């Protein structure tokens, strides 16, 4: 997941900064967030069904709607934390 996140971030950074013309700081915030979001999504996507099975629940209950909601919430927190540090907001 780290390799996928880094490759996506490199391509996205080139697109955001070179093609779209946004400042480097904006590209940095978006791309660092992308790396962390991909890693967190992959880890939670594999971890939550295992936890559900250990707790005696059907792992299918932890399928996409719940995982998507959790990952989206965590991604927003990661984005705002990185943006506040890098951009000084």
PDB file of N, CA and C in Angstrom:
ATOM      1  N   UNK A   1       0.819  -1.195   0.000  1.00  0.00           N
ATOM      2  CA  UNK A   1       0.000   0.000   0.000  1.00  0.00           C
ATOM      3  C   UNK A   1       0.864   1.261   0.000  1.00  0.00           C
ATOM      4  N   UNK A   2       2.012   1.170   0.645  1.00  0.00           N
ATOM      5  CA  UNK A   2       2.908   2.331   0.653  1.00  0.00           C
ATOM      6  C   UNK A   2       3.435   2.619  -0.748  1.00  0.00           C
ATOM      7  N   UNK A   3       3.794   1.584  -1.470  1.00  0.00           N
ATOM      8  CA  UNK A   3       4.286   1.752  -2.839  1.00  0.00           C
ATOM      9  C   UNK A   3       3.196   2.339  -3.753  1.00  0.00           C
ATOM     10  N   UNK A   4       1.979   1.846  -3.623  1.00  0.00           N
ATOM     11  CA  UNK A   4       0.876   2.365  -4.424  1.00  0.00           C
ATOM     12  C   UNK A   4       0.615   3.828  -4.076  1.00  0.00           C
ATOM     13  N   UNK A   5       0.604   4.150  -2.780  1.00  0.00           N
ATOM     14  CA  UNK A   5       0.379   5.525  -2.353  1.00  0.00           C
ATOM     15  C   UNK A   5       1.451   6.474  -2.846  1.00  0.00           C
ATOM     16  N   UNK A   6       2.697   6.048  -2.790  1.00  0.00           N
ATOM     17  CA  UNK A   6       3.796   6.904  -3.254  1.00  0.00           C
ATOM     18  C   UNK A   6       3.728   7.108  -4.765  1.00  0.00           C
ATOM     19  N   UNK A   7       3.444   6.065  -5.511  1.00  0.00           N
ATOM     20  CA  UNK A   7       3.343   6.216  -6.970  1.00  0.00           C
ATOM     21  C   UNK A   7       2.180   7.128  -7.356  1.00  0.00           C
ATOM     22  N   UNK A   8       1.035   6.966  -6.695  1.00  0.00           N
ATOM     23  CA  UNK A   8      -0.088   7.851  -6.949  1.00  0.00           C
ATOM     24  C   UNK A   8       0.249   9.295  -6.599  1.00  0.00           C
ATOM     25  N   UNK A   9       0.971   9.481  -5.500  1.00  0.00           N
ATOM     26  CA  UNK A   9       1.337  10.825  -5.070  1.00  0.00           C
ATOM     27  C   UNK A   9       2.294  11.490  -6.061  1.00  0.00           C
ATOM     28  N   UNK A  10       3.231  10.745  -6.592  1.00  0.00           N
ATOM     29  CA  UNK A  10       4.188  11.312  -7.552  1.00  0.00           C
ATOM     30  C   UNK A  10       3.464  11.766  -8.819  1.00  0.00           C
ATOM     31  N   UNK A  11       2.609  10.911  -9.331  1.00  0.00           N
ATOM     32  CA  UNK A  11       1.863  11.259 -10.547  1.00  0.00           C
ATOM     33  C   UNK A  11       0.922  12.433 -10.273  1.00  0.00           C
ATOM     34  N   UNK A  12       0.253  12.400  -9.132  1.00  0.00           N
ATOM     35  CA  UNK A  12      -0.677  13.469  -8.789  1.00  0.00           C
ATOM     36  C   UNK A  12       0.046  14.788  -8.545  1.00  0.00           C
ATOM     37  N   UNK A  13       1.226  14.741  -7.943  1.00  0.00           N
ATOM     38  CA  UNK A  13       1.999  15.965  -7.709  1.00  0.00           C
ATOM     39  C   UNK A  13       2.375  16.616  -9.031  1.00  0.00           C
ATOM     40  N   UNK A  14       2.810  15.800  -9.976  1.00  0.00           N
ATOM     41  CA  UNK A  14       3.154  16.344 -11.294  1.00  0.00           C
ATOM     42  C   UNK A  14       1.928  16.961 -11.959  1.00  0.00           C
ATOM     43  N   UNK A  15       0.796  16.319 -11.829  1.00  0.00           N
ATOM     44  CA  UNK A  15      -0.429  16.845 -12.430  1.00  0.00           C
ATOM     45  C   UNK A  15      -0.864  18.149 -11.762  1.00  0.00           C
ATOM     46  N   UNK A  16      -0.867  18.161 -10.436  1.00  0.00           N
ATOM     47  CA  UNK A  16      -1.356  19.334  -9.702  1.00  0.00           C
ATOM     48  C   UNK A  16      -0.433  20.534  -9.902  1.00  0.00           C
ATOM     49  N   UNK A  17       0.860  20.317  -9.789  1.00  0.00           N
ATOM     50  CA  UNK A  17       1.798  21.441  -9.838  1.00  0.00           C
ATOM     51  C   UNK A  17       2.138  21.826 -11.280  1.00  0.00           C
ATOM     52  N   UNK A  18       2.465  20.866 -12.110  1.00  0.00           N
ATOM     53  CA  UNK A  18       2.925  21.185 -13.454  1.00  0.00           C
ATOM     54  C   UNK A  18       1.790  21.475 -14.432  1.00  0.00           C
ATOM     55  N   UNK A  19       0.763  20.661 -14.416  1.00  0.00           N
ATOM     56  CA  UNK A  19      -0.308  20.846 -15.389  1.00  0.00           C
ATOM     57  C   UNK A  19      -1.366  21.853 -14.937  1.00  0.00           C
ATOM     58  N   UNK A  20      -1.729  21.800 -13.666  1.00  0.00           N
ATOM     59  CA  UNK A  20      -2.773  22.677 -13.169  1.00  0.00           C
ATOM     60  C   UNK A  20      -2.227  24.019 -12.688  1.00  0.00           C
ATOM     61  N   UNK A  21      -0.955  24.077 -12.331  1.00  0.00           N
ATOM     62  CA  UNK A  21      -0.326  25.324 -11.937  1.00  0.00           C
ATOM     63  C   UNK A  21      -0.563  25.754 -10.495  1.00  0.00           C
ATOM     64  N   UNK A  22      -0.958  24.842  -9.631  1.00  0.00           N
ATOM     65  CA  UNK A  22      -1.142  25.184  -8.221  1.00  0.00           C
ATOM     66  C   UNK A  22       0.217  25.327  -7.541  1.00  0.00           C
ATOM     67  N   UNK A  23       0.280  26.057  -6.431  1.00  0.00           N
ATOM     68  CA  UNK A  23       1.551  26.176  -5.699  1.00  0.00           C
ATOM     69  C   UNK A  23       2.045  24.817  -5.198  1.00  0.00           C
ATOM     70  N   UNK A  24       3.335  24.741  -5.004  1.00  0.00           N
ATOM     71  CA  UNK A  24       3.950  23.480  -4.558  1.00  0.00           C
ATOM     72  C   UNK A  24       3.394  23.051  -3.201  1.00  0.00           C
ATOM     73  N   UNK A  25       3.101  24.005  -2.331  1.00  0.00           N
ATOM     74  CA  UNK A  25       2.584  23.664  -1.000  1.00  0.00           C
ATOM     75  C   UNK A  25       1.249  22.924  -1.098  1.00  0.00           C
ATOM     76  N   UNK A  26       0.395  23.369  -2.002  1.00  0.00           N
ATOM     77  CA  UNK A  26      -0.902  22.704  -2.192  1.00  0.00           C
ATOM     78  C   UNK A  26      -0.690  21.290  -2.721  1.00  0.00           C
ATOM     79  N   UNK A  27       0.189  21.139  -3.688  1.00  0.00           N
ATOM     80  CA  UNK A  27       0.505  19.813  -4.211  1.00  0.00           C
ATOM     81  C   UNK A  27       1.082  18.901  -3.149  1.00  0.00           C
ATOM     82  N   UNK A  28       1.921  19.450  -2.292  1.00  0.00           N
ATOM     83  CA  UNK A  28       2.522  18.673  -1.211  1.00  0.00           C
ATOM     84  C   UNK A  28       1.458  18.187  -0.232  1.00  0.00           C
ATOM     85  N   UNK A  29       0.546  19.071   0.143  1.00  0.00           N
ATOM     86  CA  UNK A  29      -0.523  18.693   1.074  1.00  0.00           C
ATOM     87  C   UNK A  29      -1.382  17.588   0.485  1.00  0.00           C
ATOM     88  N   UNK A  30      -1.782  17.746  -0.759  1.00  0.00           N
ATOM     89  CA  UNK A  30      -2.652  16.759  -1.399  1.00  0.00           C
ATOM     90  C   UNK A  30      -1.938  15.415  -1.536  1.00  0.00           C
ATOM     91  N   UNK A  31      -0.690  15.438  -1.921  1.00  0.00           N
ATOM     92  CA  UNK A  31       0.030  14.186  -2.180  1.00  0.00           C
ATOM     93  C   UNK A  31       0.425  13.451  -0.908  1.00  0.00           C
ATOM     94  N   UNK A  32       0.821  14.172   0.121  1.00  0.00           N
ATOM     95  CA  UNK A  32       1.139  13.512   1.394  1.00  0.00           C
ATOM     96  C   UNK A  32      -0.131  12.912   1.986  1.00  0.00           C
ATOM     97  N   UNK A  33      -1.234  13.651   1.880  1.00  0.00           N
ATOM     98  CA  UNK A  33      -2.516  13.118   2.342  1.00  0.00           C
ATOM     99  C   UNK A  33      -2.886  11.867   1.566  1.00  0.00           C
ATOM    100  N   UNK A  34      -2.636  11.867   0.281  1.00  0.00           N
ATOM    101  CA  UNK A  34      -2.950  10.709  -0.557  1.00  0.00           C
ATOM    102  C   UNK A  34      -2.186   9.474  -0.097  1.00  0.00           C
ATOM    103  N   UNK A  35      -0.915   9.632   0.205  1.00  0.00           N
ATOM    104  CA  UNK A  35      -0.106   8.490   0.669  1.00  0.00           C
ATOM    105  C   UNK A  35      -0.680   7.937   1.969  1.00  0.00           C
ATOM    106  N   UNK A  36      -0.926   8.818   2.934  1.00  0.00           N
ATOM    107  CA  UNK A  36      -1.445   8.358   4.228  1.00  0.00           C
ATOM    108  C   UNK A  36      -2.830   7.736   4.082  1.00  0.00           C
ATOM    109  N   UNK A  37      -3.671   8.313   3.237  1.00  0.00           N
ATOM    110  CA  UNK A  37      -5.024   7.799   3.053  1.00  0.00           C
ATOM    111  C   UNK A  37      -5.007   6.401   2.435  1.00  0.00           C
ATOM    112  N   UNK A  38      -4.167   6.177   1.457  1.00  0.00           N
ATOM    113  CA  UNK A  38      -4.083   4.853   0.827  1.00  0.00           C
ATOM    114  C   UNK A  38      -3.596   3.814   1.831  1.00  0.00           C
ATOM    115  N   UNK A  39      -2.592   4.155   2.611  1.00  0.00           N
ATOM    116  CA  UNK A  39      -2.062   3.213   3.606  1.00  0.00           C
ATOM    117  C   UNK A  39      -3.116   2.899   4.662  1.00  0.00           C
ATOM    118  N   UNK A  40      -3.788   3.919   5.174  1.00  0.00           N
ATOM    119  CA  UNK A  40      -4.814   3.710   6.198  1.00  0.00           C
ATOM    120  C   UNK A  40      -5.976   2.889   5.628  1.00  0.00           C
ATOM    121  N   UNK A  41      -6.391   3.194   4.401  1.00  0.00           N
ATOM    122  CA  UNK A  41      -7.504   2.460   3.786  1.00  0.00           C
ATOM    123  C   UNK A  41      -7.169   0.985   3.617  1.00  0.00           C
ATOM    124  N   UNK A  42      -5.968   0.697   3.172  1.00  0.00           N
ATOM    125  CA  UNK A  42      -5.573  -0.708   2.986  1.00  0.00           C
ATOM    126  C   UNK A  42      -5.494  -1.442   4.315  1.00  0.00           C
ATOM    127  N   UNK A  43      -4.931  -0.783   5.324  1.00  0.00           N
ATOM    128  CA  UNK A  43      -4.809  -1.420   6.641  1.00  0.00           C
ATOM    129  C   UNK A  43      -6.176  -1.671   7.272  1.00  0.00           C
ATOM    130  N   UNK A  44      -7.047  -0.670   7.244  1.00  0.00           N
ATOM    131  CA  UNK A  44      -8.379  -0.844   7.823  1.00  0.00           C
ATOM    132  C   UNK A  44      -9.211  -1.841   7.031  1.00  0.00           C
ATOM    133  N   UNK A  45      -9.071  -1.813   5.717  1.00  0.00           N
ATOM    134  CA  UNK A  45      -9.815  -2.754   4.886  1.00  0.00           C
ATOM    135  C   UNK A  45      -9.453  -4.200   5.157  1.00  0.00           C
ATOM    136  N   UNK A  46      -8.244  -4.442   5.577  1.00  0.00           N
ATOM    137  CA  UNK A  46      -7.836  -5.797   5.920  1.00  0.00           C
ATOM    138  C   UNK A  46      -8.024  -6.135   7.388  1.00  0.00           C
ATOM    139  N   UNK A  47      -7.970  -5.114   8.240  1.00  0.00           N
ATOM    140  CA  UNK A  47      -8.001  -5.323   9.688  1.00  0.00           C
ATOM    141  C   UNK A  47      -9.426  -5.460  10.239  1.00  0.00           C
ATOM    142  N   UNK A  48     -10.345  -4.630   9.769  1.00  0.00           N
ATOM    143  CA  UNK A  48     -11.695  -4.633  10.337  1.00  0.00           C
ATOM    144  C   UNK A  48     -12.446  -5.953  10.133  1.00  0.00           C
ATOM    145  N   UNK A  49     -12.380  -6.599   8.965  1.00  0.00           N
ATOM    146  CA  UNK A  49     -13.050  -7.907   8.856  1.00  0.00           C
ATOM    147  C   UNK A  49     -12.445  -8.969   9.776  1.00  0.00           C
ATOM    148  N   UNK A  50     -11.164  -8.907  10.014  1.00  0.00           N
ATOM    149  CA  UNK A  50     -10.526  -9.855  10.935  1.00  0.00           C
ATOM    150  C   UNK A  50     -11.027  -9.632  12.347  1.00  0.00           C
ATOM    151  N   UNK A  51     -11.131  -8.370  12.745  1.00  0.00           N
ATOM    152  CA  UNK A  51     -11.653  -8.042  14.081  1.00  0.00           C
ATOM    153  C   UNK A  51     -13.102  -8.500  14.210  1.00  0.00           C
ATOM    154  N   UNK A  52     -13.901  -8.293  13.168  1.00  0.00           N
ATOM    155  CA  UNK A  52     -15.296  -8.720  13.207  1.00  0.00           C
ATOM    156  C   UNK A  52     -15.401 -10.231  13.379  1.00  0.00           C
ATOM    157  N   UNK A  53     -14.548 -10.965  12.697  1.00  0.00           N
ATOM    158  CA  UNK A  53     -14.576 -12.421  12.822  1.00  0.00           C
ATOM    159  C   UNK A  53     -14.161 -12.860  14.219  1.00  0.00           C
ATOM    160  N   UNK A  54     -13.142 -12.194  14.789  1.00  0.00           N
ATOM    161  CA  UNK A  54     -12.695 -12.529  16.142  1.00  0.00           C
ATOM    162  C   UNK A  54     -13.788 -12.248  17.173  1.00  0.00           C
ATOM    163  N   UNK A  55     -14.612 -11.211  16.902  1.00  0.00           N
ATOM    164  CA  UNK A  55     -15.685 -10.854  17.825  1.00  0.00           C
ATOM    165  C   UNK A  55     -16.950 -11.684  17.602  1.00  0.00           C
ATOM    166  N   UNK A  56     -16.916 -12.562  16.602  1.00  0.00           N
ATOM    167  CA  UNK A  56     -18.041 -13.439  16.346  1.00  0.00           C
ATOM    168  C   UNK A  56     -19.080 -12.868  15.396  1.00  0.00           C
ATOM    169  N   UNK A  57     -18.768 -11.749  14.756  1.00  0.00           N
ATOM    170  CA  UNK A  57     -19.681 -11.159  13.777  1.00  0.00           C
ATOM    171  C   UNK A  57     -19.342 -11.661  12.381  1.00  0.00           C
ATOM    172  N   UNK A  58     -20.285 -11.501  11.485  1.00  0.00           N
ATOM    173  CA  UNK A  58     -20.054 -11.841  10.085  1.00  0.00           C
ATOM    174  C   UNK A  58     -19.102 -10.802   9.491  1.00  0.00           C
ATOM    175  N   UNK A  59     -17.950 -11.216   8.940  1.00  0.00           N
ATOM    176  CA  UNK A  59     -17.012 -10.244   8.361  1.00  0.00           C
ATOM    177  C   UNK A  59     -17.612  -9.408   7.238  1.00  0.00           C
ATOM    178  N   UNK A  60     -18.667  -9.922   6.601  1.00  0.00           N
ATOM    179  CA  UNK A  60     -19.308  -9.160   5.533  1.00  0.00           C
ATOM    180  C   UNK A  60     -19.978  -7.898   6.070  1.00  0.00           C
ATOM    181  N   UNK A  61     -20.268  -7.864   7.379  1.00  0.00           N
ATOM    182  CA  UNK A  61     -20.840  -6.663   7.977  1.00  0.00           C
ATOM    183  C   UNK A  61     -19.869  -5.490   7.922  1.00  0.00           C
ATOM    184  N   UNK A  62     -18.599  -5.810   7.876  1.00  0.00           N
ATOM    185  CA  UNK A  62     -17.576  -4.773   7.806  1.00  0.00           C
ATOM    186  C   UNK A  62     -17.245  -4.432   6.365  1.00  0.00           C
ATOM    187  N   UNK A  63     -18.141  -4.767   5.472  1.00  0.00           N
ATOM    188  CA  UNK A  63     -17.903  -4.524   4.052  1.00  0.00           C
ATOM    189  C   UNK A  63     -17.911  -3.033   3.748  1.00  0.00           C
ATOM    190  N   UNK A  64     -17.934  -2.727   2.524  1.00  0.00           N
ATOM    191  CA  UNK A  64     -17.638  -1.389   2.013  1.00  0.00           C
ATOM    192  C   UNK A  64     -18.324  -0.208   2.681  1.00  0.00           C
ATOM    193  N   UNK A  65     -19.606  -0.202   3.025  1.00  0.00           N
ATOM    194  CA  UNK A  65     -20.166   1.030   3.591  1.00  0.00           C
ATOM    195  C   UNK A  65     -19.508   1.463   4.895  1.00  0.00           C
ATOM    196  N   UNK A  66     -19.288   0.531   5.803  1.00  0.00           N
ATOM    197  CA  UNK A  66     -18.679   0.895   7.080  1.00  0.00           C
ATOM    198  C   UNK A  66     -17.217   1.277   6.902  1.00  0.00           C
ATOM    199  N   UNK A  67     -16.481   0.490   6.146  1.00  0.00           N
ATOM    200  CA  UNK A  67     -15.068   0.797   5.921  1.00  0.00           C
ATOM    201  C   UNK A  67     -14.915   2.122   5.187  1.00  0.00           C
ATOM    202  N   UNK A  68     -15.766   2.376   4.206  1.00  0.00           N
ATOM    203  CA  UNK A  68     -15.699   3.630   3.451  1.00  0.00           C
ATOM    204  C   UNK A  68     -15.959   4.820   4.357  1.00  0.00           C
ATOM    205  N   UNK A  69     -16.941   4.717   5.220  1.00  0.00           N
ATOM    206  CA  UNK A  69     -17.248   5.805   6.144  1.00  0.00           C
ATOM    207  C   UNK A  69     -16.096   6.070   7.094  1.00  0.00           C
ATOM    208  N   UNK A  70     -15.521   5.024   7.641  1.00  0.00           N
ATOM    209  CA  UNK A  70     -14.400   5.185   8.578  1.00  0.00           C
ATOM    210  C   UNK A  70     -13.197   5.781   7.862  1.00  0.00           C
ATOM    211  N   UNK A  71     -12.861   5.261   6.695  1.00  0.00           N
ATOM    212  CA  UNK A  71     -11.701   5.758   5.950  1.00  0.00           C
ATOM    213  C   UNK A  71     -11.905   7.207   5.517  1.00  0.00           C
ATOM    214  N   UNK A  72     -13.110   7.552   5.084  1.00  0.00           N
ATOM    215  CA  UNK A  72     -13.375   8.935   4.696  1.00  0.00           C
ATOM    216  C   UNK A  72     -13.214   9.888   5.879  1.00  0.00           C
ATOM    217  N   UNK A  73     -13.705   9.489   7.026  1.00  0.00           N
ATOM    218  CA  UNK A  73     -13.566  10.336   8.219  1.00  0.00           C
ATOM    219  C   UNK A  73     -12.106  10.510   8.618  1.00  0.00           C
ATOM    220  N   UNK A  74     -11.372   9.425   8.605  1.00  0.00           N
ATOM    221  CA  UNK A  74      -9.951   9.495   8.962  1.00  0.00           C
ATOM    222  C   UNK A  74      -9.178  10.293   7.922  1.00  0.00           C
ATOM    223  N   UNK A  75      -9.544  10.144   6.652  1.00  0.00           N
ATOM    224  CA  UNK A  75      -8.865  10.892   5.587  1.00  0.00           C
ATOM    225  C   UNK A  75      -9.046  12.395   5.755  1.00  0.00           C
ATOM    226  N   UNK A  76     -10.235  12.813   6.121  1.00  0.00           N
ATOM    227  CA  UNK A  76     -10.464  14.239   6.372  1.00  0.00           C
ATOM    228  C   UNK A  76      -9.616  14.746   7.526  1.00  0.00           C
ATOM    229  N   UNK A  77      -9.535  13.961   8.592  1.00  0.00           N
ATOM    230  CA  UNK A  77      -8.702  14.362   9.729  1.00  0.00           C
ATOM    231  C   UNK A  77      -7.232  14.455   9.331  1.00  0.00           C
ATOM    232  N   UNK A  78      -6.766  13.494   8.549  1.00  0.00           N
ATOM    233  CA  UNK A  78      -5.383  13.519   8.076  1.00  0.00           C
ATOM    234  C   UNK A  78      -5.145  14.741   7.198  1.00  0.00           C
ATOM    235  N   UNK A  79      -6.072  15.006   6.274  1.00  0.00           N
ATOM    236  CA  UNK A  79      -5.928  16.146   5.367  1.00  0.00           C
ATOM    237  C   UNK A  79      -5.846  17.457   6.138  1.00  0.00           C
ATOM    238  N   UNK A  80      -6.764  17.652   7.069  1.00  0.00           N
ATOM    239  CA  UNK A  80      -6.766  18.907   7.829  1.00  0.00           C
ATOM    240  C   UNK A  80      -5.535  19.038   8.714  1.00  0.00           C
ATOM    241  N   UNK A  81      -5.054  17.938   9.260  1.00  0.00           N
ATOM    242  CA  UNK A  81      -3.840  17.998  10.085  1.00  0.00           C
ATOM    243  C   UNK A  81      -2.629  18.363   9.239  1.00  0.00           C
ATOM    244  N   UNK A  82      -2.483  17.752   8.079  1.00  0.00           N
ATOM    245  CA  UNK A  82      -1.346  18.042   7.194  1.00  0.00           C
ATOM    246  C   UNK A  82      -1.451  19.468   6.657  1.00  0.00           C
ATOM    247  N   UNK A  83      -2.651  19.881   6.261  1.00  0.00           N
ATOM    248  CA  UNK A  83      -2.827  21.235   5.735  1.00  0.00           C
ATOM    249  C   UNK A  83      -2.520  22.283   6.789  1.00  0.00           C
ATOM    250  N   UNK A  84      -2.899  22.034   8.018  1.00  0.00           N
ATOM    251  CA  UNK A  84      -2.630  23.020   9.064  1.00  0.00           C
ATOM    252  C   UNK A  84      -1.138  23.125   9.366  1.00  0.00           C
ATOM    253  N   UNK A  85      -0.418  22.025   9.257  1.00  0.00           N
ATOM    254  CA  UNK A  85       1.025  22.057   9.497  1.00  0.00           C
ATOM    255  C   UNK A  85       1.761  22.704   8.323  1.00  0.00           C
ATOM    256  N   UNK A  86       1.470  22.253   7.110  1.00  0.00           N
ATOM    257  CA  UNK A  86       2.211  22.725   5.940  1.00  0.00           C
ATOM    258  C   UNK A  86       1.829  24.155   5.569  1.00  0.00           C
ATOM    259  N   UNK A  87       0.529  24.458   5.583  1.00  0.00           N
ATOM    260  CA  UNK A  87       0.073  25.768   5.139  1.00  0.00           C
ATOM    261  C   UNK A  87      -0.048  26.772   6.286  1.00  0.00           C
ATOM    262  N   UNK A  88       0.072  26.297   7.511  1.00  0.00           N
ATOM    263  CA  UNK A  88      -0.019  27.205   8.655  1.00  0.00           C
ATOM    264  C   UNK A  88      -1.412  27.749   8.862  1.00  0.00           C
ATOM    265  N   UNK A  89      -2.397  26.965   8.536  1.00  0.00           N
ATOM    266  CA  UNK A  89      -3.790  27.421   8.665  1.00  0.00           C
ATOM    267  C   UNK A  89      -4.259  27.213  10.087  1.00  0.00           C
TER     268      UNK A  89
END
